[in-house]
Each structure stands twice: as C-alpha cells, then as structure tokens.
Protein backbone atom coordinates (compact mmCIF):
# COMPACT_ATOMS: atom_id res chain seq x y z
CA MET A 1 30.62 -37.94 20.58
CA LYS A 2 33.14 -34.44 21.02
CA PHE A 3 31.96 -34.00 17.20
CA TYR A 4 28.21 -33.91 18.23
CA ILE A 5 28.73 -31.59 21.56
CA THR A 6 30.25 -29.07 19.51
CA LEU A 7 27.70 -29.17 16.57
CA PHE A 8 24.65 -29.11 19.36
CA PHE A 9 26.59 -25.75 20.68
CA SER A 10 26.93 -23.95 17.28
CA PHE A 11 23.81 -24.93 16.21
CA ALA A 12 22.41 -23.85 19.44
CA LEU A 13 24.29 -20.63 18.52
CA CYS A 14 24.21 -20.07 15.37
CA LEU A 15 19.68 -19.80 16.01
CA ALA A 16 20.79 -17.51 18.82
CA ASN A 17 22.28 -15.18 16.42
CA ALA A 18 19.52 -15.66 13.80
CA GLN A 19 16.91 -12.46 13.63
CA SER A 20 13.27 -13.28 14.40
CA VAL A 21 10.63 -11.67 12.47
CA SER A 22 6.85 -11.61 13.07
CA LEU A 23 3.85 -10.97 10.59
CA LYS A 24 3.19 -7.65 11.97
CA GLU A 25 7.32 -6.19 11.99
CA CYS A 26 7.36 -7.82 8.33
CA ILE A 27 3.29 -5.61 7.53
CA GLU A 28 5.51 -2.46 9.00
CA LEU A 29 8.48 -2.83 6.83
CA GLY A 30 6.82 -3.23 4.18
CA LEU A 31 4.75 -0.38 4.68
CA LYS A 32 8.04 1.70 5.19
CA ASN A 33 9.97 0.48 2.07
CA HIS A 34 7.64 -0.57 -0.72
CA PRO A 35 7.28 2.61 -3.41
CA ASP A 36 3.28 1.54 -3.91
CA TYR A 37 2.58 2.46 -0.69
CA GLN A 38 4.73 5.26 -0.94
CA ALA A 39 2.88 6.54 -3.98
CA GLY A 40 -0.32 6.69 -1.92
CA VAL A 41 2.02 8.68 0.80
CA LEU A 42 3.12 11.04 -1.36
CA ASN A 43 -0.81 11.39 -3.41
CA ALA A 44 -2.11 12.56 0.31
CA GLU A 45 0.48 14.84 0.98
CA ALA A 46 -0.30 16.57 -2.49
CA ALA A 47 -3.97 16.56 -1.86
CA THR A 48 -3.05 17.94 1.26
CA ALA A 49 -0.70 20.86 -0.53
CA SER A 50 -3.83 21.96 -3.04
CA LEU A 51 -6.13 22.49 -0.32
CA GLY A 52 -3.71 24.55 1.58
CA GLU A 53 -3.13 26.74 -1.73
CA ALA A 54 -6.96 26.76 -2.11
CA LYS A 55 -7.57 28.61 1.29
CA SER A 56 -4.39 30.73 0.34
CA LEU A 57 -7.21 31.83 -1.79
CA ARG A 58 -9.10 34.06 0.15
CA TYR A 59 -6.03 35.49 1.78
CA PRO A 60 -4.95 39.51 0.42
CA SER A 61 -2.89 40.16 -1.56
CA MET A 62 -0.18 42.62 -0.60
CA SER A 63 2.45 43.76 -2.46
CA ILE A 64 5.45 46.65 -2.08
CA ASP A 65 7.11 47.91 -4.84
CA VAL A 66 10.13 50.02 -5.69
CA TYR A 67 11.36 51.63 -8.10
CA GLN A 68 15.07 53.09 -9.02
CA SER A 69 15.38 54.56 -12.38
CA THR A 70 18.10 57.08 -14.30
CA ASN A 71 16.55 59.57 -16.95
CA THR A 72 18.59 60.91 -19.92
CA GLY A 73 17.60 62.90 -22.96
CA ARG A 74 14.77 65.11 -23.74
CA SER A 75 11.60 63.82 -20.90
CA ILE A 76 9.50 65.72 -18.85
CA ASP A 77 10.18 67.37 -15.17
CA ARG A 78 7.64 65.85 -13.37
CA PHE A 79 7.35 68.72 -11.60
CA THR A 80 7.21 72.01 -14.08
CA ASN A 81 5.96 69.92 -16.79
CA ASN A 82 8.19 71.57 -18.85
CA TYR A 83 10.81 69.78 -21.03
CA ILE A 84 14.05 69.03 -20.10
CA ASN A 85 17.10 67.49 -21.26
CA ASP A 86 18.81 66.66 -17.73
CA VAL A 87 20.23 63.62 -16.59
CA TYR A 88 18.45 62.80 -13.71
CA ASN A 89 17.03 60.15 -10.87
CA SER A 90 13.81 58.90 -9.77
CA THR A 91 12.76 56.74 -6.86
CA TYR A 92 9.30 55.95 -7.13
CA ALA A 93 7.66 53.56 -4.33
CA GLN A 94 3.93 52.02 -3.73
CA ALA A 95 2.14 49.69 -1.53
CA SER A 96 -0.99 48.22 -2.67
CA LEU A 97 -3.33 45.38 -1.26
CA SER A 98 -5.78 43.30 -3.22
CA GLN A 99 -8.75 41.48 -1.37
CA PRO A 100 -11.45 39.28 -2.84
CA ILE A 101 -15.00 39.82 -1.31
CA PHE A 102 -17.00 38.21 -3.57
CA GLN A 103 -16.74 35.64 -6.82
CA GLY A 104 -19.66 33.70 -6.55
CA PHE A 105 -19.05 30.73 -3.50
CA ARG A 106 -15.69 30.16 -6.01
CA ILE A 107 -13.18 30.06 -3.25
CA GLN A 108 -15.41 28.01 -0.65
CA SER A 109 -16.74 25.63 -3.52
CA THR A 110 -12.87 25.25 -4.39
CA ILE A 111 -11.62 24.69 -0.68
CA GLN A 112 -14.57 22.30 -0.40
CA GLN A 113 -13.37 20.04 -3.02
CA ASN A 114 -9.74 19.81 -1.89
CA GLN A 115 -11.52 18.94 1.34
CA LEU A 116 -13.20 15.68 -0.12
CA LEU A 117 -9.89 15.02 -2.46
CA VAL A 118 -7.34 14.83 0.20
CA GLU A 119 -9.98 12.46 2.04
CA SER A 120 -10.51 10.57 -0.84
CA GLU A 121 -6.80 10.27 -0.93
CA LYS A 122 -6.90 9.28 2.70
CA LEU A 123 -9.21 6.39 1.93
CA ASN A 124 -7.21 5.61 -1.63
CA LEU A 125 -3.96 5.54 0.99
CA ALA A 126 -5.93 3.01 3.70
CA SER A 127 -6.70 1.20 0.38
CA THR A 128 -3.13 0.58 -0.89
CA GLN A 129 -1.79 -0.40 2.52
CA ASN A 130 -4.80 -3.28 2.63
CA GLN A 131 -3.68 -4.47 -0.54
CA LEU A 132 0.43 -4.67 -0.06
CA THR A 133 -0.71 -6.20 3.43
CA ILE A 134 -2.88 -9.09 2.60
CA ARG A 135 -0.16 -9.63 -0.54
CA ILE A 136 2.91 -9.94 2.56
CA ILE A 137 0.79 -12.02 4.59
CA GLN A 138 -0.31 -14.54 1.90
CA ALA A 139 4.28 -14.02 1.09
CA TYR A 140 4.50 -14.84 4.60
CA LEU A 141 2.13 -17.46 5.02
CA ASN A 142 3.69 -19.11 1.65
CA VAL A 143 7.14 -18.87 3.68
CA LEU A 144 5.81 -20.71 6.77
CA ALA A 145 4.55 -23.83 4.81
CA SER A 146 7.96 -23.72 2.66
CA GLN A 147 9.40 -24.37 5.89
CA GLU A 148 7.12 -27.09 7.30
CA LEU A 149 7.46 -28.85 3.77
CA TYR A 150 10.59 -29.10 3.83
CA THR A 151 11.19 -30.26 7.32
CA ILE A 152 8.52 -33.38 6.32
CA ALA A 153 10.81 -33.45 3.28
CA GLN A 154 13.76 -33.48 5.50
CA ASN A 155 12.14 -36.13 7.39
CA GLN A 156 11.40 -38.09 4.48
CA VAL A 157 14.73 -38.77 3.14
CA LEU A 158 15.51 -39.31 7.46
CA THR A 159 13.00 -42.54 7.86
CA SER A 160 13.93 -43.55 3.69
CA GLU A 161 18.07 -43.84 5.52
CA THR A 162 16.83 -45.40 8.51
CA GLN A 163 14.52 -48.18 6.77
CA LEU A 164 17.41 -48.34 4.17
CA ASP A 165 19.54 -49.22 6.47
CA GLN A 166 17.63 -52.06 7.49
CA ILE A 167 17.36 -53.46 4.75
CA SER A 168 21.28 -53.37 4.17
CA LYS A 169 21.46 -55.13 6.82
CA ARG A 170 18.87 -57.99 6.26
CA VAL A 171 20.55 -58.05 2.87
CA ASN A 172 24.39 -59.01 4.17
CA ALA A 173 22.75 -61.21 6.43
CA GLY A 174 21.06 -62.99 3.70
CA VAL A 175 17.88 -62.62 4.65
CA LEU A 176 16.71 -60.19 2.31
CA GLY A 177 16.91 -60.45 -1.75
CA LYS A 178 18.36 -57.40 -3.42
CA THR A 179 15.95 -56.02 -5.57
CA GLU A 180 14.52 -55.03 -1.61
CA GLU A 181 17.69 -52.97 -0.97
CA LEU A 182 17.50 -51.62 -4.48
CA GLN A 183 13.94 -50.56 -4.21
CA ILE A 184 14.58 -48.57 -1.14
CA LYS A 185 17.42 -46.47 -2.35
CA THR A 186 15.12 -45.79 -5.26
CA GLN A 187 12.95 -44.33 -2.75
CA VAL A 188 15.60 -43.09 -0.94
CA ALA A 189 16.85 -41.07 -4.27
CA ASN A 190 13.22 -39.93 -5.29
CA ASP A 191 12.75 -38.29 -1.18
CA GLN A 192 16.35 -36.56 -1.48
CA PHE A 193 15.00 -35.15 -4.64
CA SER A 194 12.16 -34.02 -3.18
CA GLU A 195 13.76 -32.63 -0.11
CA ILE A 196 16.27 -30.64 -3.45
CA THR A 197 12.81 -29.54 -4.21
CA ALA A 198 10.83 -28.54 -1.27
CA SER A 199 14.36 -26.42 -0.11
CA GLY A 200 14.12 -24.51 -4.12
CA ASN A 201 10.67 -23.75 -2.91
CA LEU A 202 11.69 -22.36 0.43
CA ARG A 203 14.59 -20.26 -1.05
CA ALA A 204 12.00 -19.05 -3.52
CA ALA A 205 9.34 -17.92 -0.89
CA ARG A 206 11.51 -15.99 1.47
CA LEU A 207 13.04 -14.50 -1.65
CA ALA A 208 9.37 -13.10 -3.35
CA LEU A 209 9.00 -12.31 0.26
CA PHE A 210 12.10 -10.13 1.00
CA GLN A 211 11.41 -8.40 -2.32
CA LEU A 212 7.82 -7.50 -1.80
CA LEU A 213 9.31 -5.95 1.36
CA ASN A 214 12.32 -4.05 -0.59
CA ALA A 215 14.87 -5.45 2.55
CA GLN A 216 17.35 -7.77 2.04
CA LEU A 217 17.26 -9.58 4.92
CA PRO A 218 19.97 -11.73 6.30
CA ASP A 219 20.19 -15.33 5.50
CA ASN A 220 19.66 -16.88 8.80
CA THR A 221 16.23 -15.14 9.50
CA GLN A 222 14.03 -17.16 11.59
CA PHE A 223 10.07 -15.89 11.00
CA GLU A 224 7.76 -16.71 13.75
CA SER A 225 4.52 -18.99 13.63
CA LEU A 226 1.47 -17.61 13.78
CA ASP A 227 -0.62 -18.96 16.74
CA ALA A 228 -4.31 -19.43 15.23
CA GLU A 229 -6.81 -21.90 16.38
CA ILE A 230 -8.54 -23.44 13.10
CA PHE A 231 -12.07 -23.54 13.55
CA ALA A 232 -14.60 -23.13 10.77
CA LYS A 233 -17.22 -20.10 10.74
CA ARG A 234 -20.43 -19.43 9.39
CA TYR A 235 -20.61 -16.05 7.09
CA GLY A 236 -23.61 -14.68 5.83
CA ASN A 237 -24.62 -12.50 2.92
CA GLU A 238 -24.32 -9.38 5.16
CA LEU A 239 -20.49 -9.50 5.47
CA ALA A 240 -20.45 -8.59 1.39
CA GLU A 241 -22.97 -5.63 2.78
CA ASN A 242 -20.49 -5.24 5.44
CA ALA A 243 -17.66 -4.86 3.33
CA ILE A 244 -18.76 -2.65 0.61
CA GLU A 245 -20.10 -0.30 3.92
CA ASN A 246 -16.41 0.09 5.65
CA LEU A 247 -13.95 -0.69 2.80
CA PRO A 248 -11.91 2.40 2.61
CA GLU A 249 -12.01 1.99 -1.34
CA VAL A 250 -15.71 2.67 -1.76
CA LYS A 251 -15.39 5.55 1.05
CA ALA A 252 -12.76 7.19 -1.24
CA ALA A 253 -14.90 6.90 -4.88
CA ASP A 254 -18.05 8.18 -2.81
CA TYR A 255 -15.27 11.46 -1.56
CA GLN A 256 -14.42 11.76 -4.94
CA ILE A 257 -18.06 11.83 -6.61
CA ARG A 258 -18.59 14.83 -4.23
CA SER A 259 -15.58 16.65 -5.11
CA PHE A 260 -16.72 17.08 -8.85
CA ASP A 261 -20.20 18.41 -7.17
CA SER A 262 -18.24 21.20 -5.81
CA ARG A 263 -15.56 22.10 -8.55
CA ILE A 264 -19.38 21.97 -10.75
CA ARG A 265 -20.40 24.57 -8.34
CA ALA A 266 -16.90 26.53 -8.28
CA ILE A 267 -17.12 26.84 -12.59
CA LYS A 268 -20.27 27.81 -12.63
CA SER A 269 -19.90 30.58 -9.77
CA SER A 270 -18.17 32.02 -13.09
CA LYS A 271 -21.22 33.30 -13.91
CA LEU A 272 -21.94 35.31 -11.50
CA PRO A 273 -20.72 38.77 -10.77
CA SER A 274 -17.50 39.52 -8.52
CA LEU A 275 -16.42 42.13 -5.94
CA SER A 276 -13.23 43.18 -4.71
CA PHE A 277 -11.20 45.37 -2.73
CA PHE A 278 -8.02 47.24 -3.35
CA ALA A 279 -5.98 49.90 -1.99
CA ASP A 280 -2.88 51.81 -3.14
CA TRP A 281 0.10 54.17 -1.65
CA ASN A 282 2.20 55.46 -3.80
CA THR A 283 5.02 58.17 -3.21
CA PHE A 284 8.09 59.53 -5.68
CA PHE A 285 11.29 61.32 -5.88
CA ALA A 286 13.11 62.56 -8.54
CA SER A 287 16.64 65.20 -8.63
CA SER A 288 15.24 67.45 -11.06
CA ASN A 289 13.78 69.09 -7.99
CA PRO A 290 16.87 70.65 -6.47
CA GLU A 291 14.62 72.62 -4.17
CA GLN A 292 13.44 69.61 -1.89
CA GLU A 293 15.93 67.44 -0.50
CA PHE A 294 14.44 62.76 -0.55
CA PHE A 295 12.44 62.62 2.47
CA GLU A 296 10.22 66.34 1.55
CA GLN A 297 9.41 65.15 -1.61
CA ILE A 298 8.76 61.82 -0.58
CA ASN A 299 6.39 63.56 1.91
CA GLY A 300 5.22 66.25 -0.51
CA SER A 301 4.07 63.46 -3.02
CA ARG A 302 2.84 60.79 -1.71
CA ASN A 303 -0.81 59.84 -2.53
CA ALA A 304 -3.01 57.06 -1.50
CA SER A 305 -6.73 55.39 -3.07
CA PHE A 306 -9.36 52.90 -2.33
CA SER A 307 -12.03 51.45 -4.56
CA LEU A 308 -14.12 48.69 -4.53
CA ALA A 309 -14.19 46.57 -7.97
CA LEU A 310 -17.76 45.14 -9.22
CA SER A 311 -17.00 42.50 -12.42
CA ILE A 312 -20.23 41.45 -14.23
CA PRO A 313 -19.14 38.80 -17.12
CA ILE A 314 -21.02 39.28 -20.26
CA LEU A 315 -20.31 35.93 -21.79
CA GLY A 316 -19.23 33.64 -18.67
CA ARG A 317 -22.33 31.42 -19.52
CA LEU A 318 -20.47 30.32 -23.13
CA GLN A 319 -17.11 29.70 -20.59
CA ALA A 320 -18.75 28.11 -18.07
CA ASN A 321 -20.51 25.43 -19.69
CA PRO A 322 -18.63 23.71 -21.19
CA ARG A 323 -15.88 22.89 -18.34
CA VAL A 324 -19.88 21.95 -16.48
CA GLN A 325 -20.40 19.37 -18.53
CA SER A 326 -16.93 18.01 -18.68
CA ALA A 327 -16.58 17.89 -14.62
CA SER A 328 -20.60 16.51 -14.68
CA ILE A 329 -18.61 13.22 -17.38
CA GLN A 330 -16.39 12.97 -14.92
CA LYS A 331 -18.33 12.57 -12.06
CA ARG A 332 -20.31 10.30 -14.24
CA ILE A 333 -17.55 8.18 -14.86
CA ALA A 334 -16.47 8.78 -11.02
CA GLN A 335 -19.28 7.04 -9.98
CA ASN A 336 -19.62 4.30 -12.49
CA ASN A 337 -16.14 3.45 -11.08
CA LEU A 338 -18.01 3.51 -7.50
CA ALA A 339 -20.45 0.44 -9.11
CA SER A 340 -17.57 -1.26 -9.86
CA THR A 341 -15.79 -1.27 -7.12
CA LYS A 342 -18.86 -1.85 -5.12
CA LEU A 343 -19.50 -5.27 -7.32
CA GLN A 344 -15.69 -6.01 -7.11
CA VAL A 345 -16.00 -6.10 -3.58
CA ASN A 346 -19.13 -7.81 -3.42
CA GLN A 347 -17.44 -10.90 -5.68
CA ALA A 348 -14.69 -10.80 -3.77
CA VAL A 349 -16.48 -11.06 -0.54
CA GLN A 350 -18.69 -14.02 -2.24
CA THR A 351 -15.69 -15.13 -3.87
CA ALA A 352 -13.50 -15.59 -0.57
CA ILE A 353 -16.51 -17.13 1.64
CA GLN A 354 -16.06 -19.91 -1.04
CA ASN A 355 -12.70 -20.42 -0.86
CA TYR A 356 -13.16 -20.08 3.31
CA GLU A 357 -15.67 -23.25 3.13
CA LEU A 358 -13.24 -25.55 0.44
CA ALA A 359 -10.50 -24.57 2.49
CA SER A 360 -12.15 -25.63 6.18
CA GLU A 361 -13.38 -29.07 4.40
CA ARG A 362 -9.82 -29.66 2.74
CA TYR A 363 -8.91 -29.18 6.15
CA ASN A 364 -10.44 -31.10 8.13
CA ASN A 365 -9.73 -33.92 4.74
CA THR A 366 -6.18 -33.56 4.84
CA LEU A 367 -6.38 -34.31 9.27
CA SER A 368 -8.35 -37.50 8.58
CA GLN A 369 -5.78 -38.52 5.89
CA VAL A 370 -2.92 -37.60 8.29
CA ALA A 371 -4.18 -39.67 11.41
CA ILE A 372 -5.56 -42.87 8.81
CA ASN A 373 -1.85 -42.57 7.24
CA GLN A 374 -0.15 -42.77 10.84
CA GLU A 375 -1.56 -45.16 11.99
CA ASN A 376 -1.09 -47.25 8.58
CA MET A 377 2.49 -46.47 8.82
CA ASP A 378 2.51 -47.63 13.11
CA ALA A 379 1.27 -51.09 11.64
CA ILE A 380 3.56 -51.18 8.73
CA GLN A 381 6.26 -50.26 11.11
CA ALA A 382 5.66 -52.89 13.65
CA GLN A 383 4.92 -55.55 10.58
CA ILE A 384 9.11 -54.12 9.20
CA ASN A 385 10.18 -54.94 12.63
CA ALA A 386 8.81 -58.48 12.28
CA GLY A 387 9.93 -59.00 8.42
CA THR A 388 6.12 -59.53 7.39
CA VAL A 389 6.55 -56.69 5.08
CA ASN A 390 8.15 -56.35 1.65
CA SER A 391 9.70 -52.82 0.81
CA ILE A 392 7.02 -52.00 -2.06
CA GLU A 393 4.37 -51.97 1.27
CA PHE A 394 6.48 -49.66 2.92
CA ILE A 395 7.08 -47.26 0.22
CA LEU A 396 3.49 -47.06 -0.70
CA ALA A 397 2.95 -46.47 2.36
CA LYS A 398 5.13 -43.98 3.34
CA THR A 399 4.49 -42.51 -0.13
CA ASN A 400 0.80 -41.73 0.89
CA PHE A 401 1.77 -40.91 4.53
CA ASP A 402 4.11 -38.15 3.48
CA ARG A 403 1.64 -37.11 0.52
CA ALA A 404 -0.98 -36.50 3.97
CA ASN A 405 1.35 -34.37 5.43
CA SER A 406 2.27 -32.18 2.23
CA ASN A 407 -1.40 -32.07 2.16
CA LEU A 408 -2.19 -31.10 5.51
CA VAL A 409 0.26 -28.11 5.89
CA GLN A 410 -0.91 -26.61 2.56
CA ALA A 411 -4.61 -27.15 3.85
CA LYS A 412 -3.53 -25.25 6.56
CA TYR A 413 -1.95 -22.19 5.42
CA ALA A 414 -4.93 -21.97 2.71
CA PHE A 415 -7.51 -21.76 5.86
CA LEU A 416 -5.48 -19.47 7.41
CA LEU A 417 -5.50 -17.11 4.47
CA GLN A 418 -8.95 -16.95 3.81
CA GLU A 419 -9.58 -16.64 7.49
CA LYS A 420 -7.63 -13.62 8.01
CA ILE A 421 -9.51 -12.16 4.61
CA LEU A 422 -12.44 -12.49 6.25
CA LYS A 423 -12.17 -11.58 9.66
CA PHE A 424 -10.24 -8.26 7.68
CA TYR A 425 -14.23 -8.10 5.86
CA GLU A 426 -16.01 -8.70 9.12
CA ASN A 427 -14.16 -5.82 11.17
CA GLY A 428 -12.56 -3.36 8.74
CA ASP A 429 -8.90 -4.06 10.31
CA TRP A 430 -6.55 -6.72 10.19
CA SER A 431 -5.52 -8.82 13.62
CA PHE A 432 -1.94 -10.79 14.05
C-alpha cells in the first residue's frame, strides 16, 4: 500500500513540474525560431532599406575637400606664373553642392517602385507566416492524436491483461481449456505490440513538432488540448472568391506587378532631359608666396561658382528600350504568377471543402461505430462474466471496438484540421 501511495505522489509531482504549452505558444515559438520565417523578415527589411536608398536620391550631394601637397622640382608659381625651382607646400580647400532638380520623374518612379515592393514583401512575410502556421497546427494536432491513440493502446493492453487474468483463473480451476488461455495471451502480445507502435508514433510526432519549432522542449512537455465543438458547416463557392481577395500571397503578387509599372516609368525617364544645380567654393594657400600669410592667401584666393546643367540624351532611346522590354517581360511573368497563384488558391479551397465534408462524414460514422461497438462490448462482457462467451468472440468484439476508437481519434483531428483551414480561408486569420 505504501508503494502505491509513493508512486501516486511521484506521478503527481511529475505532472506538476511538466511544462505545458498551447498551440498558440507553439506557433509563436516557431515564428521566432524557424529560418523560413526569419528569411521573410530579412527580405522585408531589405526591401525597406532599398526604399530608404531610393528616397536618398532626392537629397543633395555635398562634400568638403582639403588637399595638402608638397611641390619639388620645376613648377609654375601660382601667384606670378613664373617658373620656379623651389620646394614649397600648398593647401587647397573646396566645398561643393550638387542638387538634382529634374530627372524625368526617375527618382519619383523609383521611390514608388520600392514602396510597392516593401508592401509586397510584407505580404509575402504574412504568407510565409500562414504557411508555417498551418504546418505547426498539423504537427500539433498529430501530437494530440498520437497521445490519444497511445492512451487507447494502453487501455487495450490493460483490458486484455484483465481478461487474461480472469481466463487464467478459470483454466486453473478446470472450467476452461488451455486453448482459451493461449488465445488471450496472443491477444495480449498483439496489444502490447500495438502499444509499442503507438508509443513510437507519439515520440515521432513530438520530434517532428520540435524540429518544426526549431526548439528542444523538455521530454515531459504536455500539450494543451483544443476546446472545439465539432459540427459541420456548409461552405459555398464564395469561399474561394473571399480567399482570392484576401490572401496575402495574392495581394503580394498584385503589388509586384504594379512595381514593374513604376520600374518601366523610371527606365523611360532616362530618355528625357535632366536639370541639375551645382555650387562650388574653393581657395588655396602656397608657401611660395612669402608676402602673404596663410589666412591672407586663403581670403584672397577664394572663389565661388553657381551653375545649372541641362543634359539632353541623344541616344537614350537605344539604351532604354531594351531595358523597358526586359521589365515588360518580367511584368508579364509576374502577371502569369498571379494567375497561377489564384488558380492554386481556388484549387486549394475546393480541395479543403471536399476534405472537410469527407472528414465530417467520417467523424459522424466513427461516432456511430464507437457507440455500436461499446454496446457490443458491454453485452460481451456480461456474457463473459456469466461464462457463456468464449475468448474468440471476446477478441473479435474487442478488436472491432479498439479499431472504432482509433478511427474516431483520427477522424476527429482530421476534421479539426480541415475546419481550421476553412475558417482561415473564411476569416483571413487563424483562431486558436
């Protein structure tokens, strides 16, 4: 008795110390650790950086240059314009400014292109998040299903061992023959094998989830069950239209197509004249002029200039047209990708609806199976207690009952998965 009390408290302590995680926590952990999602984050950051680079084209270019040199040998004096053979030092300073005024709308088009690409990458990131989320949901439900199947397998072994104990007592009492006992022992061995298989499937499901999360959780981690009422709902063709309108991958493809329009405008702008403003200020000092001090020379030699530069491309069309053609082809490729994406979404929604309806039918069927086999097992158990049923009838009834329970677990989680997928298509976000 003391052993069982100690075992009970040890088991309770293990449960208390076990880490419990929910589906939402698993998804958050997966998004934090999985490299696929982090790659999407980096792509979005790169697009934002490119936008900042494009915006910087509007700013003026300013610089301050200072040169210090030493002249040796024959040279021309900058003050007298005579040849000298002296060694002297010179200092030259310059400040310049360059501001583009009109670039044929190239800068505006480039900025708009990068803004559209930023939005496209954000939506691509959302699409990557959705894809990773559904994979985590599927792996999480697989763990829950494997846990229930393992529990069923354990109960199968317990039931068979209990029946074996009763049969063994009757064989020892001479009421039943040895054949009955051997048949039950065979059933116990089969159930033990099924338990080992179910245990392996559970470990494999947990490992698959851990690998998908890119995290090593403790072996005693418990996974919270999903509280969901299972009831069938009818979905029509409008679900596909709603998904095509709201899914981020479709919107991302549309933004990418629009970005090519801006890119083409930016390329065409190279055929237009451009206008720029330039400003320059410079001064110098040379030690070859001993009559003036450093600051006197700097003040006396200062010079400033302002200019407007008009650039008219002569052969710009010959350079721009091939680039426009290349961008136009890439735009058509993006349009074809958008059409392909819409087709895939439509097919995925139709397949999900069909799988949902099939999962609903299978789930309702397994409910009936379990109810019928439970009633049959109760009747068989009553006859066994009365000694009017042999082991073969028991084994057949138990096998059917165990199979019905396994089918119910698999059908339930298959239904929950399809239900979550369709709700995502319907609402545009995940519910946990």
